[in-house]
Amino acid sequence: MVLRQIISELNRASIITERRDEREKLADEQVRRRLRTHVHVIAHLHPLGGHGHDVERPLGACEALEHGR
């Protein structure tokens, strides 16, 4: 009986850890996406660092074009 409780607790802890890891990965990706967007906007706004295309174009499409996706 005690062994089953220990195994159950270990399984529960493992699931909690996996979920936390998934949330952290998602949060990291969201931060990277925001950072790329900020850098891209700054590049558009900088008088000498513009990309040479319409600022109104969506950032995602622009990024895809620049990186050949």
PDB file of N, CA and C in Angstrom:
ATOM      1  N   MET A   1       0.820  -1.202   0.000  1.00  0.00           N
ATOM      2  CA  MET A   1       0.000   0.000   0.000  1.00  0.00           C
ATOM      3  C   MET A   1       0.864   1.266   0.000  1.00  0.00           C
ATOM      4  N   VAL A   2       1.886   1.286   0.834  1.00  0.00           N
ATOM      5  CA  VAL A   2       2.770   2.441   0.908  1.00  0.00           C
ATOM      6  C   VAL A   2       3.524   2.616  -0.412  1.00  0.00           C
ATOM      7  N   LEU A   3       3.941   1.499  -0.992  1.00  0.00           N
ATOM      8  CA  LEU A   3       4.655   1.552  -2.266  1.00  0.00           C
ATOM      9  C   LEU A   3       3.771   2.156  -3.363  1.00  0.00           C
ATOM     10  N   ARG A   4       2.491   1.809  -3.384  1.00  0.00           N
ATOM     11  CA  ARG A   4       1.558   2.385  -4.371  1.00  0.00           C
ATOM     12  C   ARG A   4       1.423   3.890  -4.191  1.00  0.00           C
ATOM     13  N   GLN A   5       1.366   4.344  -2.950  1.00  0.00           N
ATOM     14  CA  GLN A   5       1.257   5.780  -2.680  1.00  0.00           C
ATOM     15  C   GLN A   5       2.513   6.514  -3.160  1.00  0.00           C
ATOM     16  N   ILE A   6       3.666   5.901  -2.913  1.00  0.00           N
ATOM     17  CA  ILE A   6       4.919   6.517  -3.348  1.00  0.00           C
ATOM     18  C   ILE A   6       4.956   6.606  -4.875  1.00  0.00           C
ATOM     19  N   ILE A   7       4.586   5.529  -5.543  1.00  0.00           N
ATOM     20  CA  ILE A   7       4.566   5.519  -7.011  1.00  0.00           C
ATOM     21  C   ILE A   7       3.570   6.546  -7.533  1.00  0.00           C
ATOM     22  N   SER A   8       2.409   6.627  -6.904  1.00  0.00           N
ATOM     23  CA  SER A   8       1.393   7.600  -7.311  1.00  0.00           C
ATOM     24  C   SER A   8       1.921   9.029  -7.165  1.00  0.00           C
ATOM     25  N   GLU A   9       2.569   9.313  -6.048  1.00  0.00           N
ATOM     26  CA  GLU A   9       3.120  10.654  -5.826  1.00  0.00           C
ATOM     27  C   GLU A   9       4.227  10.976  -6.831  1.00  0.00           C
ATOM     28  N   LEU A  10       5.060   9.999  -7.126  1.00  0.00           N
ATOM     29  CA  LEU A  10       6.125  10.218  -8.117  1.00  0.00           C
ATOM     30  C   LEU A  10       5.544  10.494  -9.498  1.00  0.00           C
ATOM     31  N   ASN A  11       4.518   9.750  -9.877  1.00  0.00           N
ATOM     32  CA  ASN A  11       3.866   9.980 -11.168  1.00  0.00           C
ATOM     33  C   ASN A  11       3.237  11.364 -11.212  1.00  0.00           C
ATOM     34  N   ARG A  12       2.577  11.751 -10.151  1.00  0.00           N
ATOM     35  CA  ARG A  12       1.945  13.077 -10.088  1.00  0.00           C
ATOM     36  C   ARG A  12       3.003  14.168 -10.193  1.00  0.00           C
ATOM     37  N   ALA A  13       4.100  14.010  -9.479  1.00  0.00           N
ATOM     38  CA  ALA A  13       5.185  14.998  -9.531  1.00  0.00           C
ATOM     39  C   ALA A  13       5.776  15.083 -10.935  1.00  0.00           C
ATOM     40  N   SER A  14       5.899  13.952 -11.591  1.00  0.00           N
ATOM     41  CA  SER A  14       6.432  13.927 -12.947  1.00  0.00           C
ATOM     42  C   SER A  14       5.519  14.685 -13.908  1.00  0.00           C
ATOM     43  N   ILE A  15       4.228  14.470 -13.791  1.00  0.00           N
ATOM     44  CA  ILE A  15       3.255  15.158 -14.658  1.00  0.00           C
ATOM     45  C   ILE A  15       3.287  16.656 -14.406  1.00  0.00           C
ATOM     46  N   ILE A  16       3.358  17.060 -13.139  1.00  0.00           N
ATOM     47  CA  ILE A  16       3.416  18.484 -12.796  1.00  0.00           C
ATOM     48  C   ILE A  16       4.675  19.107 -13.388  1.00  0.00           C
ATOM     49  N   THR A  17       5.796  18.406 -13.286  1.00  0.00           N
ATOM     50  CA  THR A  17       7.060  18.914 -13.831  1.00  0.00           C
ATOM     51  C   THR A  17       6.979  19.055 -15.349  1.00  0.00           C
ATOM     52  N   GLU A  18       6.402  18.075 -16.028  1.00  0.00           N
ATOM     53  CA  GLU A  18       6.261  18.146 -17.482  1.00  0.00           C
ATOM     54  C   GLU A  18       5.400  19.329 -17.885  1.00  0.00           C
ATOM     55  N   ARG A  19       4.312  19.548 -17.193  1.00  0.00           N
ATOM     56  CA  ARG A  19       3.432  20.677 -17.521  1.00  0.00           C
ATOM     57  C   ARG A  19       4.146  22.001 -17.305  1.00  0.00           C
ATOM     58  N   ARG A  20       4.905  22.100 -16.212  1.00  0.00           N
ATOM     59  CA  ARG A  20       5.640  23.333 -15.931  1.00  0.00           C
ATOM     60  C   ARG A  20       6.676  23.574 -17.027  1.00  0.00           C
ATOM     61  N   ASP A  21       7.377  22.514 -17.449  1.00  0.00           N
ATOM     62  CA  ASP A  21       8.358  22.646 -18.526  1.00  0.00           C
ATOM     63  C   ASP A  21       7.698  23.122 -19.817  1.00  0.00           C
ATOM     64  N   GLU A  22       6.521  22.577 -20.132  1.00  0.00           N
ATOM     65  CA  GLU A  22       5.802  22.998 -21.339  1.00  0.00           C
ATOM     66  C   GLU A  22       5.407  24.473 -21.249  1.00  0.00           C
ATOM     67  N   ARG A  23       4.928  24.903 -20.077  1.00  0.00           N
ATOM     68  CA  ARG A  23       4.556  26.317 -19.909  1.00  0.00           C
ATOM     69  C   ARG A  23       5.771  27.223 -20.046  1.00  0.00           C
ATOM     70  N   GLU A  24       6.899  26.801 -19.487  1.00  0.00           N
ATOM     71  CA  GLU A  24       8.118  27.602 -19.600  1.00  0.00           C
ATOM     72  C   GLU A  24       8.585  27.702 -21.048  1.00  0.00           C
ATOM     73  N   LYS A  25       8.509  26.619 -21.795  1.00  0.00           N
ATOM     74  CA  LYS A  25       8.896  26.647 -23.211  1.00  0.00           C
ATOM     75  C   LYS A  25       7.993  27.589 -23.998  1.00  0.00           C
ATOM     76  N   LEU A  26       6.693  27.528 -23.722  1.00  0.00           N
ATOM     77  CA  LEU A  26       5.754  28.409 -24.399  1.00  0.00           C
ATOM     78  C   LEU A  26       6.043  29.868 -24.061  1.00  0.00           C
ATOM     79  N   ALA A  27       6.299  30.149 -22.793  1.00  0.00           N
ATOM     80  CA  ALA A  27       6.607  31.518 -22.381  1.00  0.00           C
ATOM     81  C   ALA A  27       7.889  32.007 -23.044  1.00  0.00           C
ATOM     82  N   ASP A  28       8.911  31.151 -23.119  1.00  0.00           N
ATOM     83  CA  ASP A  28      10.163  31.531 -23.783  1.00  0.00           C
ATOM     84  C   ASP A  28       9.917  31.869 -25.250  1.00  0.00           C
ATOM     85  N   GLU A  29       9.118  31.062 -25.924  1.00  0.00           N
ATOM     86  CA  GLU A  29       8.826  31.311 -27.339  1.00  0.00           C
ATOM     87  C   GLU A  29       8.060  32.621 -27.517  1.00  0.00           C
ATOM     88  N   GLN A  30       7.130  32.911 -26.607  1.00  0.00           N
ATOM     89  CA  GLN A  30       6.381  34.165 -26.697  1.00  0.00           C
ATOM     90  C   GLN A  30       7.312  35.357 -26.511  1.00  0.00           C
ATOM     91  N   VAL A  31       8.254  35.259 -25.588  1.00  0.00           N
ATOM     92  CA  VAL A  31       9.220  36.346 -25.380  1.00  0.00           C
ATOM     93  C   VAL A  31      10.073  36.531 -26.629  1.00  0.00           C
ATOM     94  N   ARG A  32      10.543  35.419 -27.228  1.00  0.00           N
ATOM     95  CA  ARG A  32      11.347  35.529 -28.452  1.00  0.00           C
ATOM     96  C   ARG A  32      10.554  36.185 -29.578  1.00  0.00           C
ATOM     97  N   ARG A  33       9.270  35.815 -29.703  1.00  0.00           N
ATOM     98  CA  ARG A  33       8.438  36.400 -30.753  1.00  0.00           C
ATOM     99  C   ARG A  33       8.275  37.900 -30.546  1.00  0.00           C
ATOM    100  N   ARG A  34       8.008  38.301 -29.298  1.00  0.00           N
ATOM    101  CA  ARG A  34       7.850  39.734 -29.008  1.00  0.00           C
ATOM    102  C   ARG A  34       9.142  40.490 -29.275  1.00  0.00           C
ATOM    103  N   LEU A  35      10.254  39.907 -28.891  1.00  0.00           N
ATOM    104  CA  LEU A  35      11.539  40.553 -29.109  1.00  0.00           C
ATOM    105  C   LEU A  35      11.814  40.735 -30.602  1.00  0.00           C
ATOM    106  N   ARG A  36      11.544  39.699 -31.403  1.00  0.00           N
ATOM    107  CA  ARG A  36      11.724  39.825 -32.853  1.00  0.00           C
ATOM    108  C   ARG A  36      10.849  40.935 -33.408  1.00  0.00           C
ATOM    109  N   THR A  37       9.616  41.023 -32.923  1.00  0.00           N
ATOM    110  CA  THR A  37       8.705  42.070 -33.399  1.00  0.00           C
ATOM    111  C   THR A  37       9.241  43.441 -33.026  1.00  0.00           C
ATOM    112  N   HIS A  38       9.704  43.614 -31.799  1.00  0.00           N
ATOM    113  CA  HIS A  38      10.241  44.916 -31.378  1.00  0.00           C
ATOM    114  C   HIS A  38      11.463  45.299 -32.195  1.00  0.00           C
ATOM    115  N   VAL A  39      12.349  44.350 -32.406  1.00  0.00           N
ATOM    116  CA  VAL A  39      13.548  44.624 -33.205  1.00  0.00           C
ATOM    117  C   VAL A  39      13.151  45.008 -34.618  1.00  0.00           C
ATOM    118  N   HIS A  40      12.161  44.331 -35.167  1.00  0.00           N
ATOM    119  CA  HIS A  40      11.719  44.622 -36.527  1.00  0.00           C
ATOM    120  C   HIS A  40      11.115  46.021 -36.618  1.00  0.00           C
ATOM    121  N   VAL A  41      10.286  46.379 -35.654  1.00  0.00           N
ATOM    122  CA  VAL A  41       9.675  47.717 -35.653  1.00  0.00           C
ATOM    123  C   VAL A  41      10.759  48.772 -35.529  1.00  0.00           C
ATOM    124  N   ILE A  42      11.722  48.555 -34.660  1.00  0.00           N
ATOM    125  CA  ILE A  42      12.812  49.522 -34.507  1.00  0.00           C
ATOM    126  C   ILE A  42      13.575  49.662 -35.828  1.00  0.00           C
ATOM    127  N   ALA A  43      13.803  48.546 -36.514  1.00  0.00           N
ATOM    128  CA  ALA A  43      14.503  48.610 -37.804  1.00  0.00           C
ATOM    129  C   ALA A  43      13.717  49.440 -38.808  1.00  0.00           C
ATOM    130  N   HIS A  44      12.395  49.350 -38.771  1.00  0.00           N
ATOM    131  CA  HIS A  44      11.572  50.154 -39.676  1.00  0.00           C
ATOM    132  C   HIS A  44      11.628  51.631 -39.323  1.00  0.00           C
ATOM    133  N   LEU A  45      11.671  51.920 -38.038  1.00  0.00           N
ATOM    134  CA  LEU A  45      11.604  53.308 -37.601  1.00  0.00           C
ATOM    135  C   LEU A  45      12.957  54.024 -37.697  1.00  0.00           C
ATOM    136  N   HIS A  46      14.032  53.286 -37.675  1.00  0.00           N
ATOM    137  CA  HIS A  46      15.352  53.904 -37.718  1.00  0.00           C
ATOM    138  C   HIS A  46      15.566  54.537 -39.090  1.00  0.00           C
ATOM    139  N   PRO A  47      15.996  55.799 -39.135  1.00  0.00           N
ATOM    140  CA  PRO A  47      16.103  56.492 -40.430  1.00  0.00           C
ATOM    141  C   PRO A  47      17.111  55.846 -41.386  1.00  0.00           C
ATOM    142  N   LEU A  48      18.138  55.219 -40.883  1.00  0.00           N
ATOM    143  CA  LEU A  48      19.129  54.610 -41.765  1.00  0.00           C
ATOM    144  C   LEU A  48      19.004  53.099 -41.841  1.00  0.00           C
ATOM    145  N   GLY A  49      18.163  52.520 -41.008  1.00  0.00           N
ATOM    146  CA  GLY A  49      18.099  51.065 -40.949  1.00  0.00           C
ATOM    147  C   GLY A  49      16.848  50.465 -41.528  1.00  0.00           C
ATOM    148  N   GLY A  50      16.102  51.237 -42.329  1.00  0.00           N
ATOM    149  CA  GLY A  50      14.868  50.719 -42.907  1.00  0.00           C
ATOM    150  C   GLY A  50      15.135  49.572 -43.863  1.00  0.00           C
ATOM    151  N   HIS A  51      14.113  48.757 -44.086  1.00  0.00           N
ATOM    152  CA  HIS A  51      14.261  47.585 -44.945  1.00  0.00           C
ATOM    153  C   HIS A  51      14.015  47.903 -46.419  1.00  0.00           C
ATOM    154  N   GLY A  52      13.527  49.096 -46.707  1.00  0.00           N
ATOM    155  CA  GLY A  52      13.268  49.452 -48.089  1.00  0.00           C
ATOM    156  C   GLY A  52      11.946  48.922 -48.590  1.00  0.00           C
ATOM    157  N   HIS A  53      10.980  48.686 -47.704  1.00  0.00           N
ATOM    158  CA  HIS A  53       9.647  48.298 -48.136  1.00  0.00           C
ATOM    159  C   HIS A  53       8.614  48.970 -47.246  1.00  0.00           C
ATOM    160  N   ASP A  54       7.377  48.800 -47.611  1.00  0.00           N
ATOM    161  CA  ASP A  54       6.273  49.476 -46.947  1.00  0.00           C
ATOM    162  C   ASP A  54       6.165  49.043 -45.486  1.00  0.00           C
ATOM    163  N   VAL A  55       6.163  50.013 -44.589  1.00  0.00           N
ATOM    164  CA  VAL A  55       6.060  49.747 -43.155  1.00  0.00           C
ATOM    165  C   VAL A  55       4.702  49.136 -42.815  1.00  0.00           C
ATOM    166  N   GLU A  56       3.710  49.349 -43.642  1.00  0.00           N
ATOM    167  CA  GLU A  56       2.372  48.844 -43.362  1.00  0.00           C
ATOM    168  C   GLU A  56       2.258  47.336 -43.554  1.00  0.00           C
ATOM    169  N   ARG A  57       3.224  46.727 -44.220  1.00  0.00           N
ATOM    170  CA  ARG A  57       3.173  45.291 -44.446  1.00  0.00           C
ATOM    171  C   ARG A  57       3.225  44.575 -43.092  1.00  0.00           C
ATOM    172  N   PRO A  58       2.436  43.534 -42.905  1.00  0.00           N
ATOM    173  CA  PRO A  58       2.457  42.824 -41.624  1.00  0.00           C
ATOM    174  C   PRO A  58       3.859  42.302 -41.316  1.00  0.00           C
ATOM    175  N   LEU A  59       4.232  42.381 -40.044  1.00  0.00           N
ATOM    176  CA  LEU A  59       5.581  41.990 -39.653  1.00  0.00           C
ATOM    177  C   LEU A  59       5.851  40.517 -39.945  1.00  0.00           C
ATOM    178  N   GLY A  60       4.871  39.676 -39.740  1.00  0.00           N
ATOM    179  CA  GLY A  60       5.077  38.248 -39.979  1.00  0.00           C
ATOM    180  C   GLY A  60       5.415  37.975 -41.431  1.00  0.00           C
ATOM    181  N   ALA A  61       4.705  38.626 -42.355  1.00  0.00           N
ATOM    182  CA  ALA A  61       4.961  38.435 -43.775  1.00  0.00           C
ATOM    183  C   ALA A  61       6.344  38.974 -44.143  1.00  0.00           C
ATOM    184  N   CYS A  62       6.680  40.103 -43.571  1.00  0.00           N
ATOM    185  CA  CYS A  62       7.977  40.712 -43.839  1.00  0.00           C
ATOM    186  C   CYS A  62       9.089  39.794 -43.356  1.00  0.00           C
ATOM    187  N   GLU A  63       8.934  39.292 -42.147  1.00  0.00           N
ATOM    188  CA  GLU A  63       9.949  38.413 -41.589  1.00  0.00           C
ATOM    189  C   GLU A  63      10.111  37.160 -42.452  1.00  0.00           C
ATOM    190  N   ALA A  64       9.006  36.620 -42.917  1.00  0.00           N
ATOM    191  CA  ALA A  64       9.065  35.427 -43.752  1.00  0.00           C
ATOM    192  C   ALA A  64       9.805  35.720 -45.055  1.00  0.00           C
ATOM    193  N   LEU A  65       9.548  36.874 -45.644  1.00  0.00           N
ATOM    194  CA  LEU A  65      10.231  37.238 -46.889  1.00  0.00           C
ATOM    195  C   LEU A  65      11.729  37.408 -46.673  1.00  0.00           C
ATOM    196  N   GLU A  66      12.089  38.041 -45.567  1.00  0.00           N
ATOM    197  CA  GLU A  66      13.496  38.302 -45.301  1.00  0.00           C
ATOM    198  C   GLU A  66      14.292  37.025 -45.035  1.00  0.00           C
ATOM    199  N   HIS A  67      13.637  36.047 -44.468  1.00  0.00           N
ATOM    200  CA  HIS A  67      14.340  34.826 -44.092  1.00  0.00           C
ATOM    201  C   HIS A  67      14.070  33.683 -45.064  1.00  0.00           C
ATOM    202  N   GLY A  68      13.410  33.976 -46.166  1.00  0.00           N
ATOM    203  CA  GLY A  68      13.188  32.992 -47.204  1.00  0.00           C
ATOM    204  C   GLY A  68      12.278  31.845 -46.813  1.00  0.00           C
ATOM    205  N   ARG A  69      11.311  32.117 -45.952  1.00  0.00           N
ATOM    206  CA  ARG A  69      10.377  31.057 -45.534  1.00  0.00           C
ATOM    207  C   ARG A  69       9.209  30.986 -46.466  1.00  0.00           C
TER     208      ARG A  69
END
